[in-house]
């Protein structure tokens, strides 16, 4: 039943798998994006990271060093790799907009 509900979610994505419209994001979209990007079921740790990342973006309008978000949430500096595999996946699941070419390069390399 849950998988069927996720299949019905179809937000518009760009060629990098990022939401075209930041305002389309909600928790159901996050679950769909996580499934689409092979991120396991979203745990409390995922949600703490996602909310902190979104709050940082809303305040500063650019990507933080992901280790900063890990530390803010009391996790080890490499938590993003453990939780999302890549920083870009964390950015995708958080529903944040295209951060630009340089930032995508940084987020993909981490």
PDB file of N, CA and C in Angstrom:
ATOM      1  N   UNK A   1       0.826  -1.201   0.000  1.00  0.00           N
ATOM      2  CA  UNK A   1       0.000   0.000   0.000  1.00  0.00           C
ATOM      3  C   UNK A   1       0.861   1.253   0.000  1.00  0.00           C
ATOM      4  N   UNK A   2       1.893   1.312   0.872  1.00  0.00           N
ATOM      5  CA  UNK A   2       2.758   2.480   0.967  1.00  0.00           C
ATOM      6  C   UNK A   2       3.496   2.702  -0.351  1.00  0.00           C
ATOM      7  N   UNK A   3       4.032   1.628  -0.952  1.00  0.00           N
ATOM      8  CA  UNK A   3       4.738   1.738  -2.232  1.00  0.00           C
ATOM      9  C   UNK A   3       3.804   2.257  -3.319  1.00  0.00           C
ATOM     10  N   UNK A   4       2.546   1.827  -3.300  1.00  0.00           N
ATOM     11  CA  UNK A   4       1.576   2.308  -4.284  1.00  0.00           C
ATOM     12  C   UNK A   4       1.359   3.810  -4.141  1.00  0.00           C
ATOM     13  N   UNK A   5       1.294   4.295  -2.902  1.00  0.00           N
ATOM     14  CA  UNK A   5       1.120   5.726  -2.680  1.00  0.00           C
ATOM     15  C   UNK A   5       2.328   6.488  -3.214  1.00  0.00           C
ATOM     16  N   UNK A   6       3.545   5.954  -2.997  1.00  0.00           N
ATOM     17  CA  UNK A   6       4.745   6.615  -3.488  1.00  0.00           C
ATOM     18  C   UNK A   6       4.773   6.654  -5.008  1.00  0.00           C
ATOM     19  N   UNK A   7       4.271   5.607  -5.649  1.00  0.00           N
ATOM     20  CA  UNK A   7       4.252   5.578  -7.109  1.00  0.00           C
ATOM     21  C   UNK A   7       3.355   6.658  -7.692  1.00  0.00           C
ATOM     22  N   UNK A   8       2.353   7.100  -6.940  1.00  0.00           N
ATOM     23  CA  UNK A   8       1.442   8.121  -7.451  1.00  0.00           C
ATOM     24  C   UNK A   8       2.036   9.528  -7.362  1.00  0.00           C
ATOM     25  N   UNK A   9       3.144   9.686  -6.655  1.00  0.00           N
ATOM     26  CA  UNK A   9       3.800  10.993  -6.530  1.00  0.00           C
ATOM     27  C   UNK A   9       4.698  11.191  -7.742  1.00  0.00           C
ATOM     28  N   UNK A  10       4.517  12.282  -8.435  1.00  0.00           N
ATOM     29  CA  UNK A  10       5.316  12.563  -9.630  1.00  0.00           C
ATOM     30  C   UNK A  10       5.690  14.040  -9.715  1.00  0.00           C
ATOM     31  N   UNK A  11       6.511  14.546  -8.799  1.00  0.00           N
ATOM     32  CA  UNK A  11       6.903  15.955  -8.913  1.00  0.00           C
ATOM     33  C   UNK A  11       7.829  16.144 -10.114  1.00  0.00           C
ATOM     34  N   UNK A  12       7.889  17.352 -10.613  1.00  0.00           N
ATOM     35  CA  UNK A  12       8.741  17.645 -11.764  1.00  0.00           C
ATOM     36  C   UNK A  12      10.194  17.766 -11.307  1.00  0.00           C
ATOM     37  N   UNK A  13      11.065  17.008 -11.983  1.00  0.00           N
ATOM     38  CA  UNK A  13      12.493  17.017 -11.673  1.00  0.00           C
ATOM     39  C   UNK A  13      13.277  17.537 -12.868  1.00  0.00           C
ATOM     40  N   UNK A  14      14.454  18.104 -12.593  1.00  0.00           N
ATOM     41  CA  UNK A  14      15.326  18.514 -13.692  1.00  0.00           C
ATOM     42  C   UNK A  14      16.219  17.337 -14.092  1.00  0.00           C
ATOM     43  N   UNK A  15      17.154  17.566 -14.995  1.00  0.00           N
ATOM     44  CA  UNK A  15      18.001  16.473 -15.492  1.00  0.00           C
ATOM     45  C   UNK A  15      18.943  15.899 -14.436  1.00  0.00           C
ATOM     46  N   UNK A  16      19.084  16.586 -13.283  1.00  0.00           N
ATOM     47  CA  UNK A  16      19.924  16.096 -12.192  1.00  0.00           C
ATOM     48  C   UNK A  16      19.108  15.421 -11.096  1.00  0.00           C
ATOM     49  N   UNK A  17      17.817  15.299 -11.306  1.00  0.00           N
ATOM     50  CA  UNK A  17      16.953  14.677 -10.307  1.00  0.00           C
ATOM     51  C   UNK A  17      16.577  15.602  -9.169  1.00  0.00           C
ATOM     52  N   UNK A  18      16.726  16.908  -9.376  1.00  0.00           N
ATOM     53  CA  UNK A  18      16.386  17.912  -8.371  1.00  0.00           C
ATOM     54  C   UNK A  18      14.985  18.451  -8.648  1.00  0.00           C
ATOM     55  N   UNK A  19      14.257  18.761  -7.593  1.00  0.00           N
ATOM     56  CA  UNK A  19      12.922  19.335  -7.765  1.00  0.00           C
ATOM     57  C   UNK A  19      13.004  20.645  -8.534  1.00  0.00           C
ATOM     58  N   UNK A  20      12.130  20.800  -9.500  1.00  0.00           N
ATOM     59  CA  UNK A  20      12.071  22.047 -10.255  1.00  0.00           C
ATOM     60  C   UNK A  20      11.428  23.130  -9.386  1.00  0.00           C
ATOM     61  N   UNK A  21      10.397  22.753  -8.639  1.00  0.00           N
ATOM     62  CA  UNK A  21       9.686  23.698  -7.782  1.00  0.00           C
ATOM     63  C   UNK A  21       9.899  23.317  -6.321  1.00  0.00           C
ATOM     64  N   UNK A  22      10.719  24.102  -5.637  1.00  0.00           N
ATOM     65  CA  UNK A  22      11.052  23.911  -4.220  1.00  0.00           C
ATOM     66  C   UNK A  22       9.788  23.744  -3.374  1.00  0.00           C
ATOM     67  N   UNK A  23       8.706  24.391  -3.751  1.00  0.00           N
ATOM     68  CA  UNK A  23       7.475  24.373  -2.961  1.00  0.00           C
ATOM     69  C   UNK A  23       6.662  23.088  -3.124  1.00  0.00           C
ATOM     70  N   UNK A  24       7.056  22.217  -4.052  1.00  0.00           N
ATOM     71  CA  UNK A  24       6.371  20.924  -4.205  1.00  0.00           C
ATOM     72  C   UNK A  24       6.789  19.942  -3.116  1.00  0.00           C
ATOM     73  N   UNK A  25       7.840  20.252  -2.373  1.00  0.00           N
ATOM     74  CA  UNK A  25       8.393  19.305  -1.402  1.00  0.00           C
ATOM     75  C   UNK A  25       7.478  19.171  -0.193  1.00  0.00           C
ATOM     76  N   UNK A  26       7.327  17.931   0.249  1.00  0.00           N
ATOM     77  CA  UNK A  26       6.693  17.605   1.524  1.00  0.00           C
ATOM     78  C   UNK A  26       7.262  16.247   1.938  1.00  0.00           C
ATOM     79  N   UNK A  27       6.834  15.709   3.041  1.00  0.00           N
ATOM     80  CA  UNK A  27       7.406  14.451   3.521  1.00  0.00           C
ATOM     81  C   UNK A  27       7.145  13.292   2.562  1.00  0.00           C
ATOM     82  N   UNK A  28       5.992  13.267   1.926  1.00  0.00           N
ATOM     83  CA  UNK A  28       5.713  12.201   0.959  1.00  0.00           C
ATOM     84  C   UNK A  28       6.652  12.294  -0.233  1.00  0.00           C
ATOM     85  N   UNK A  29       6.909  13.501  -0.698  1.00  0.00           N
ATOM     86  CA  UNK A  29       7.853  13.697  -1.799  1.00  0.00           C
ATOM     87  C   UNK A  29       9.247  13.268  -1.359  1.00  0.00           C
ATOM     88  N   UNK A  30       9.623  13.568  -0.122  1.00  0.00           N
ATOM     89  CA  UNK A  30      10.927  13.153   0.397  1.00  0.00           C
ATOM     90  C   UNK A  30      11.058  11.630   0.368  1.00  0.00           C
ATOM     91  N   UNK A  31      10.015  10.926   0.790  1.00  0.00           N
ATOM     92  CA  UNK A  31      10.044   9.457   0.742  1.00  0.00           C
ATOM     93  C   UNK A  31      10.192   8.971  -0.703  1.00  0.00           C
ATOM     94  N   UNK A  32       9.469   9.600  -1.618  1.00  0.00           N
ATOM     95  CA  UNK A  32       9.547   9.228  -3.030  1.00  0.00           C
ATOM     96  C   UNK A  32      10.953   9.485  -3.574  1.00  0.00           C
ATOM     97  N   UNK A  33      11.517  10.652  -3.252  1.00  0.00           N
ATOM     98  CA  UNK A  33      12.872  10.976  -3.707  1.00  0.00           C
ATOM     99  C   UNK A  33      13.902  10.021  -3.105  1.00  0.00           C
ATOM    100  N   UNK A  34      13.712   9.656  -1.847  1.00  0.00           N
ATOM    101  CA  UNK A  34      14.631   8.707  -1.204  1.00  0.00           C
ATOM    102  C   UNK A  34      14.586   7.366  -1.928  1.00  0.00           C
ATOM    103  N   UNK A  35      13.385   6.887  -2.202  1.00  0.00           N
ATOM    104  CA  UNK A  35      13.239   5.609  -2.910  1.00  0.00           C
ATOM    105  C   UNK A  35      13.859   5.703  -4.301  1.00  0.00           C
ATOM    106  N   UNK A  36      13.613   6.784  -5.003  1.00  0.00           N
ATOM    107  CA  UNK A  36      14.129   6.986  -6.364  1.00  0.00           C
ATOM    108  C   UNK A  36      15.661   7.017  -6.393  1.00  0.00           C
ATOM    109  N   UNK A  37      16.282   7.489  -5.294  1.00  0.00           N
ATOM    110  CA  UNK A  37      17.736   7.632  -5.227  1.00  0.00           C
ATOM    111  C   UNK A  37      18.402   6.540  -4.399  1.00  0.00           C
ATOM    112  N   UNK A  38      17.677   5.444  -4.192  1.00  0.00           N
ATOM    113  CA  UNK A  38      18.203   4.273  -3.481  1.00  0.00           C
ATOM    114  C   UNK A  38      18.703   4.588  -2.074  1.00  0.00           C
ATOM    115  N   UNK A  39      18.017   5.514  -1.432  1.00  0.00           N
ATOM    116  CA  UNK A  39      18.285   5.813  -0.027  1.00  0.00           C
ATOM    117  C   UNK A  39      17.296   4.964   0.748  1.00  0.00           C
ATOM    118  N   UNK A  40      17.789   4.236   1.746  1.00  0.00           N
ATOM    119  CA  UNK A  40      16.921   3.335   2.497  1.00  0.00           C
ATOM    120  C   UNK A  40      15.737   4.057   3.110  1.00  0.00           C
ATOM    121  N   UNK A  41      14.886   3.351   3.800  1.00  0.00           N
ATOM    122  CA  UNK A  41      13.764   4.005   4.471  1.00  0.00           C
ATOM    123  C   UNK A  41      14.277   5.157   5.338  1.00  0.00           C
ATOM    124  N   UNK A  42      13.560   6.255   5.328  1.00  0.00           N
ATOM    125  CA  UNK A  42      13.989   7.434   6.075  1.00  0.00           C
ATOM    126  C   UNK A  42      13.766   7.222   7.569  1.00  0.00           C
ATOM    127  N   UNK A  43      14.844   7.309   8.312  1.00  0.00           N
ATOM    128  CA  UNK A  43      14.834   7.129   9.761  1.00  0.00           C
ATOM    129  C   UNK A  43      14.787   8.488  10.452  1.00  0.00           C
ATOM    130  N   UNK A  44      14.736   8.482  11.760  1.00  0.00           N
ATOM    131  CA  UNK A  44      14.794   9.733  12.517  1.00  0.00           C
ATOM    132  C   UNK A  44      16.080  10.495  12.205  1.00  0.00           C
ATOM    133  N   UNK A  45      17.186   9.800  12.043  1.00  0.00           N
ATOM    134  CA  UNK A  45      18.463  10.456  11.715  1.00  0.00           C
ATOM    135  C   UNK A  45      18.383  11.146  10.353  1.00  0.00           C
ATOM    136  N   UNK A  46      17.773  10.487   9.379  1.00  0.00           N
ATOM    137  CA  UNK A  46      17.574  11.114   8.069  1.00  0.00           C
ATOM    138  C   UNK A  46      16.762  12.403   8.213  1.00  0.00           C
ATOM    139  N   UNK A  47      15.656  12.305   8.951  1.00  0.00           N
ATOM    140  CA  UNK A  47      14.783  13.465   9.087  1.00  0.00           C
ATOM    141  C   UNK A  47      15.463  14.609   9.812  1.00  0.00           C
ATOM    142  N   UNK A  48      16.255  14.317  10.843  1.00  0.00           N
ATOM    143  CA  UNK A  48      16.991  15.386  11.534  1.00  0.00           C
ATOM    144  C   UNK A  48      17.927  16.075  10.559  1.00  0.00           C
ATOM    145  N   UNK A  49      18.638  15.284   9.748  1.00  0.00           N
ATOM    146  CA  UNK A  49      19.566  15.845   8.772  1.00  0.00           C
ATOM    147  C   UNK A  49      18.810  16.669   7.730  1.00  0.00           C
ATOM    148  N   UNK A  50      17.737  16.117   7.184  1.00  0.00           N
ATOM    149  CA  UNK A  50      16.951  16.810   6.155  1.00  0.00           C
ATOM    150  C   UNK A  50      16.424  18.144   6.684  1.00  0.00           C
ATOM    151  N   UNK A  51      15.849  18.148   7.852  1.00  0.00           N
ATOM    152  CA  UNK A  51      15.289  19.388   8.402  1.00  0.00           C
ATOM    153  C   UNK A  51      16.373  20.426   8.665  1.00  0.00           C
ATOM    154  N   UNK A  52      17.514  19.971   9.173  1.00  0.00           N
ATOM    155  CA  UNK A  52      18.615  20.893   9.423  1.00  0.00           C
ATOM    156  C   UNK A  52      19.156  21.465   8.114  1.00  0.00           C
ATOM    157  N   UNK A  53      19.279  20.628   7.103  1.00  0.00           N
ATOM    158  CA  UNK A  53      19.748  21.069   5.789  1.00  0.00           C
ATOM    159  C   UNK A  53      18.770  22.084   5.187  1.00  0.00           C
ATOM    160  N   UNK A  54      17.491  21.786   5.250  1.00  0.00           N
ATOM    161  CA  UNK A  54      16.484  22.716   4.714  1.00  0.00           C
ATOM    162  C   UNK A  54      16.500  24.040   5.479  1.00  0.00           C
ATOM    163  N   UNK A  55      16.631  23.981   6.803  1.00  0.00           N
ATOM    164  CA  UNK A  55      16.688  25.213   7.603  1.00  0.00           C
ATOM    165  C   UNK A  55      17.906  26.051   7.235  1.00  0.00           C
ATOM    166  N   UNK A  56      19.046  25.397   7.053  1.00  0.00           N
ATOM    167  CA  UNK A  56      20.256  26.113   6.668  1.00  0.00           C
ATOM    168  C   UNK A  56      20.044  26.787   5.309  1.00  0.00           C
ATOM    169  N   UNK A  57      19.501  26.039   4.353  1.00  0.00           N
ATOM    170  CA  UNK A  57      19.274  26.602   3.023  1.00  0.00           C
ATOM    171  C   UNK A  57      18.292  27.783   3.078  1.00  0.00           C
ATOM    172  N   UNK A  58      17.233  27.634   3.840  1.00  0.00           N
ATOM    173  CA  UNK A  58      16.249  28.719   3.937  1.00  0.00           C
ATOM    174  C   UNK A  58      16.872  29.982   4.511  1.00  0.00           C
ATOM    175  N   UNK A  59      17.835  29.820   5.416  1.00  0.00           N
ATOM    176  CA  UNK A  59      18.480  30.980   6.040  1.00  0.00           C
ATOM    177  C   UNK A  59      19.542  31.610   5.138  1.00  0.00           C
ATOM    178  N   UNK A  60      20.389  30.776   4.503  1.00  0.00           N
ATOM    179  CA  UNK A  60      21.553  31.299   3.779  1.00  0.00           C
ATOM    180  C   UNK A  60      21.448  31.209   2.254  1.00  0.00           C
ATOM    181  N   UNK A  61      20.544  30.412   1.724  1.00  0.00           N
ATOM    182  CA  UNK A  61      20.323  30.241   0.283  1.00  0.00           C
ATOM    183  C   UNK A  61      21.533  29.696  -0.476  1.00  0.00           C
ATOM    184  N   UNK A  62      22.367  28.894   0.191  1.00  0.00           N
ATOM    185  CA  UNK A  62      23.422  28.166  -0.504  1.00  0.00           C
ATOM    186  C   UNK A  62      23.764  26.919   0.304  1.00  0.00           C
ATOM    187  N   UNK A  63      24.417  25.936  -0.343  1.00  0.00           N
ATOM    188  CA  UNK A  63      24.718  24.673   0.336  1.00  0.00           C
ATOM    189  C   UNK A  63      25.783  24.839   1.415  1.00  0.00           C
ATOM    190  N   UNK A  64      25.563  24.231   2.552  1.00  0.00           N
ATOM    191  CA  UNK A  64      26.576  24.248   3.616  1.00  0.00           C
ATOM    192  C   UNK A  64      27.592  23.139   3.392  1.00  0.00           C
ATOM    193  N   UNK A  65      28.679  23.196   4.131  1.00  0.00           N
ATOM    194  CA  UNK A  65      29.540  22.018   4.234  1.00  0.00           C
ATOM    195  C   UNK A  65      28.688  20.975   4.948  1.00  0.00           C
ATOM    196  N   UNK A  66      28.548  19.811   4.342  1.00  0.00           N
ATOM    197  CA  UNK A  66      27.653  18.799   4.912  1.00  0.00           C
ATOM    198  C   UNK A  66      28.117  18.340   6.291  1.00  0.00           C
ATOM    199  N   UNK A  67      29.427  18.393   6.537  1.00  0.00           N
ATOM    200  CA  UNK A  67      29.919  18.016   7.864  1.00  0.00           C
ATOM    201  C   UNK A  67      29.367  18.972   8.923  1.00  0.00           C
ATOM    202  N   UNK A  68      29.093  20.222   8.554  1.00  0.00           N
ATOM    203  CA  UNK A  68      28.491  21.180   9.486  1.00  0.00           C
ATOM    204  C   UNK A  68      27.105  20.698   9.915  1.00  0.00           C
ATOM    205  N   UNK A  69      26.322  20.227   8.970  1.00  0.00           N
ATOM    206  CA  UNK A  69      24.985  19.716   9.298  1.00  0.00           C
ATOM    207  C   UNK A  69      25.104  18.475  10.180  1.00  0.00           C
ATOM    208  N   UNK A  70      26.057  17.596   9.849  1.00  0.00           N
ATOM    209  CA  UNK A  70      26.278  16.402  10.685  1.00  0.00           C
ATOM    210  C   UNK A  70      26.590  16.816  12.120  1.00  0.00           C
ATOM    211  N   UNK A  71      27.522  17.767  12.289  1.00  0.00           N
ATOM    212  CA  UNK A  71      27.905  18.209  13.645  1.00  0.00           C
ATOM    213  C   UNK A  71      26.736  18.872  14.364  1.00  0.00           C
ATOM    214  N   UNK A  72      25.979  19.699  13.641  1.00  0.00           N
ATOM    215  CA  UNK A  72      24.816  20.368  14.251  1.00  0.00           C
ATOM    216  C   UNK A  72      23.836  19.355  14.830  1.00  0.00           C
ATOM    217  N   UNK A  73      23.750  18.208  14.192  1.00  0.00           N
ATOM    218  CA  UNK A  73      22.802  17.184  14.620  1.00  0.00           C
ATOM    219  C   UNK A  73      23.439  16.139  15.534  1.00  0.00           C
ATOM    220  N   UNK A  74      24.686  16.385  15.967  1.00  0.00           N
ATOM    221  CA  UNK A  74      25.353  15.483  16.901  1.00  0.00           C
ATOM    222  C   UNK A  74      25.778  14.168  16.286  1.00  0.00           C
ATOM    223  N   UNK A  75      26.016  14.179  14.966  1.00  0.00           N
ATOM    224  CA  UNK A  75      26.436  12.972  14.259  1.00  0.00           C
ATOM    225  C   UNK A  75      27.902  13.111  13.846  1.00  0.00           C
ATOM    226  N   UNK A  76      28.495  11.998  13.442  1.00  0.00           N
ATOM    227  CA  UNK A  76      29.884  12.053  12.985  1.00  0.00           C
ATOM    228  C   UNK A  76      29.968  12.844  11.679  1.00  0.00           C
ATOM    229  N   UNK A  77      31.170  13.337  11.343  1.00  0.00           N
ATOM    230  CA  UNK A  77      31.367  14.209  10.182  1.00  0.00           C
ATOM    231  C   UNK A  77      31.022  13.562   8.841  1.00  0.00           C
ATOM    232  N   UNK A  78      30.906  12.259   8.801  1.00  0.00           N
ATOM    233  CA  UNK A  78      30.621  11.562   7.547  1.00  0.00           C
ATOM    234  C   UNK A  78      29.212  10.961   7.530  1.00  0.00           C
ATOM    235  N   UNK A  79      28.340  11.497   8.357  1.00  0.00           N
ATOM    236  CA  UNK A  79      26.993  10.938   8.460  1.00  0.00           C
ATOM    237  C   UNK A  79      26.239  11.005   7.139  1.00  0.00           C
ATOM    238  N   UNK A  80      26.502  12.027   6.343  1.00  0.00           N
ATOM    239  CA  UNK A  80      25.759  12.178   5.090  1.00  0.00           C
ATOM    240  C   UNK A  80      26.024  11.000   4.156  1.00  0.00           C
ATOM    241  N   UNK A  81      27.254  10.522   4.105  1.00  0.00           N
ATOM    242  CA  UNK A  81      27.558   9.369   3.257  1.00  0.00           C
ATOM    243  C   UNK A  81      26.860   8.118   3.777  1.00  0.00           C
ATOM    244  N   UNK A  82      26.833   7.958   5.084  1.00  0.00           N
ATOM    245  CA  UNK A  82      26.174   6.795   5.675  1.00  0.00           C
ATOM    246  C   UNK A  82      24.661   6.839   5.446  1.00  0.00           C
ATOM    247  N   UNK A  83      24.082   8.018   5.559  1.00  0.00           N
ATOM    248  CA  UNK A  83      22.627   8.154   5.442  1.00  0.00           C
ATOM    249  C   UNK A  83      22.142   8.223   3.997  1.00  0.00           C
ATOM    250  N   UNK A  84      22.877   8.953   3.134  1.00  0.00           N
ATOM    251  CA  UNK A  84      22.377   9.244   1.783  1.00  0.00           C
ATOM    252  C   UNK A  84      23.301   8.774   0.662  1.00  0.00           C
ATOM    253  N   UNK A  85      24.432   8.215   0.979  1.00  0.00           N
ATOM    254  CA  UNK A  85      25.466   7.789   0.020  1.00  0.00           C
ATOM    255  C   UNK A  85      26.239   8.968  -0.556  1.00  0.00           C
ATOM    256  N   UNK A  86      25.562  10.010  -1.011  1.00  0.00           N
ATOM    257  CA  UNK A  86      26.241  11.197  -1.522  1.00  0.00           C
ATOM    258  C   UNK A  86      25.559  12.446  -0.973  1.00  0.00           C
ATOM    259  N   UNK A  87      26.308  13.527  -0.982  1.00  0.00           N
ATOM    260  CA  UNK A  87      25.737  14.806  -0.554  1.00  0.00           C
ATOM    261  C   UNK A  87      24.650  15.256  -1.517  1.00  0.00           C
ATOM    262  N   UNK A  88      24.831  14.970  -2.793  1.00  0.00           N
ATOM    263  CA  UNK A  88      23.814  15.361  -3.771  1.00  0.00           C
ATOM    264  C   UNK A  88      22.503  14.621  -3.516  1.00  0.00           C
ATOM    265  N   UNK A  89      22.578  13.363  -3.100  1.00  0.00           N
ATOM    266  CA  UNK A  89      21.346  12.639  -2.739  1.00  0.00           C
ATOM    267  C   UNK A  89      20.656  13.301  -1.554  1.00  0.00           C
ATOM    268  N   UNK A  90      21.429  13.743  -0.563  1.00  0.00           N
ATOM    269  CA  UNK A  90      20.832  14.434   0.583  1.00  0.00           C
ATOM    270  C   UNK A  90      20.121  15.701   0.107  1.00  0.00           C
ATOM    271  N   UNK A  91      20.771  16.438  -0.799  1.00  0.00           N
ATOM    272  CA  UNK A  91      20.198  17.662  -1.357  1.00  0.00           C
ATOM    273  C   UNK A  91      18.901  17.347  -2.102  1.00  0.00           C
ATOM    274  N   UNK A  92      18.922  16.260  -2.885  1.00  0.00           N
ATOM    275  CA  UNK A  92      17.722  15.855  -3.635  1.00  0.00           C
ATOM    276  C   UNK A  92      16.567  15.513  -2.700  1.00  0.00           C
ATOM    277  N   UNK A  93      16.840  14.633  -1.730  1.00  0.00           N
ATOM    278  CA  UNK A  93      15.785  14.161  -0.825  1.00  0.00           C
ATOM    279  C   UNK A  93      15.227  15.328   0.001  1.00  0.00           C
ATOM    280  N   UNK A  94      16.074  16.299   0.313  1.00  0.00           N
ATOM    281  CA  UNK A  94      15.616  17.475   1.055  1.00  0.00           C
ATOM    282  C   UNK A  94      14.779  18.401   0.178  1.00  0.00           C
ATOM    283  N   UNK A  95      14.720  18.100  -1.128  1.00  0.00           N
ATOM    284  CA  UNK A  95      13.872  18.868  -2.027  1.00  0.00           C
ATOM    285  C   UNK A  95      14.387  20.259  -2.339  1.00  0.00           C
ATOM    286  N   UNK A  96      15.694  20.438  -2.218  1.00  0.00           N
ATOM    287  CA  UNK A  96      16.257  21.763  -2.442  1.00  0.00           C
ATOM    288  C   UNK A  96      16.525  21.998  -3.921  1.00  0.00           C
ATOM    289  N   UNK A  97      16.486  23.261  -4.351  1.00  0.00           N
ATOM    290  CA  UNK A  97      16.622  23.569  -5.782  1.00  0.00           C
ATOM    291  C   UNK A  97      18.062  23.418  -6.267  1.00  0.00           C
ATOM    292  N   UNK A  98      18.211  23.453  -7.574  1.00  0.00           N
ATOM    293  CA  UNK A  98      19.521  23.349  -8.208  1.00  0.00           C
ATOM    294  C   UNK A  98      20.467  24.380  -7.589  1.00  0.00           C
ATOM    295  N   UNK A  99      21.571  23.919  -6.981  1.00  0.00           N
ATOM    296  CA  UNK A  99      22.480  24.851  -6.310  1.00  0.00           C
ATOM    297  C   UNK A  99      23.509  25.475  -7.252  1.00  0.00           C
ATOM    298  N   UNK A 100      23.499  25.099  -8.531  1.00  0.00           N
ATOM    299  CA  UNK A 100      24.481  25.608  -9.478  1.00  0.00           C
ATOM    300  C   UNK A 100      25.537  24.568  -9.788  1.00  0.00           C
ATOM    301  N   UNK A 101      26.248  24.763 -10.880  1.00  0.00           N
ATOM    302  CA  UNK A 101      27.215  23.763 -11.361  1.00  0.00           C
ATOM    303  C   UNK A 101      28.337  23.490 -10.375  1.00  0.00           C
ATOM    304  N   UNK A 102      28.928  24.532  -9.812  1.00  0.00           N
ATOM    305  CA  UNK A 102      30.049  24.338  -8.890  1.00  0.00           C
ATOM    306  C   UNK A 102      29.604  23.564  -7.649  1.00  0.00           C
ATOM    307  N   UNK A 103      28.470  23.937  -7.105  1.00  0.00           N
ATOM    308  CA  UNK A 103      27.964  23.252  -5.906  1.00  0.00           C
ATOM    309  C   UNK A 103      27.580  21.807  -6.229  1.00  0.00           C
ATOM    310  N   UNK A 104      26.982  21.561  -7.399  1.00  0.00           N
ATOM    311  CA  UNK A 104      26.640  20.175  -7.782  1.00  0.00           C
ATOM    312  C   UNK A 104      27.900  19.343  -7.894  1.00  0.00           C
ATOM    313  N   UNK A 105      28.967  19.926  -8.421  1.00  0.00           N
ATOM    314  CA  UNK A 105      30.233  19.212  -8.518  1.00  0.00           C
ATOM    315  C   UNK A 105      30.741  18.849  -7.119  1.00  0.00           C
ATOM    316  N   UNK A 106      30.682  19.790  -6.201  1.00  0.00           N
ATOM    317  CA  UNK A 106      31.098  19.563  -4.819  1.00  0.00           C
ATOM    318  C   UNK A 106      30.204  18.504  -4.162  1.00  0.00           C
ATOM    319  N   UNK A 107      28.902  18.637  -4.333  1.00  0.00           N
ATOM    320  CA  UNK A 107      27.965  17.711  -3.707  1.00  0.00           C
ATOM    321  C   UNK A 107      28.083  16.299  -4.270  1.00  0.00           C
ATOM    322  N   UNK A 108      28.411  16.180  -5.551  1.00  0.00           N
ATOM    323  CA  UNK A 108      28.555  14.859  -6.177  1.00  0.00           C
ATOM    324  C   UNK A 108      29.838  14.165  -5.743  1.00  0.00           C
ATOM    325  N   UNK A 109      30.872  14.950  -5.470  1.00  0.00           N
ATOM    326  CA  UNK A 109      32.176  14.388  -5.122  1.00  0.00           C
ATOM    327  C   UNK A 109      32.235  13.890  -3.689  1.00  0.00           C
ATOM    328  N   UNK A 110      31.309  14.332  -2.871  1.00  0.00           N
ATOM    329  CA  UNK A 110      31.354  13.986  -1.449  1.00  0.00           C
ATOM    330  C   UNK A 110      30.617  12.692  -1.194  1.00  0.00           C
TER     331      UNK A 110
END
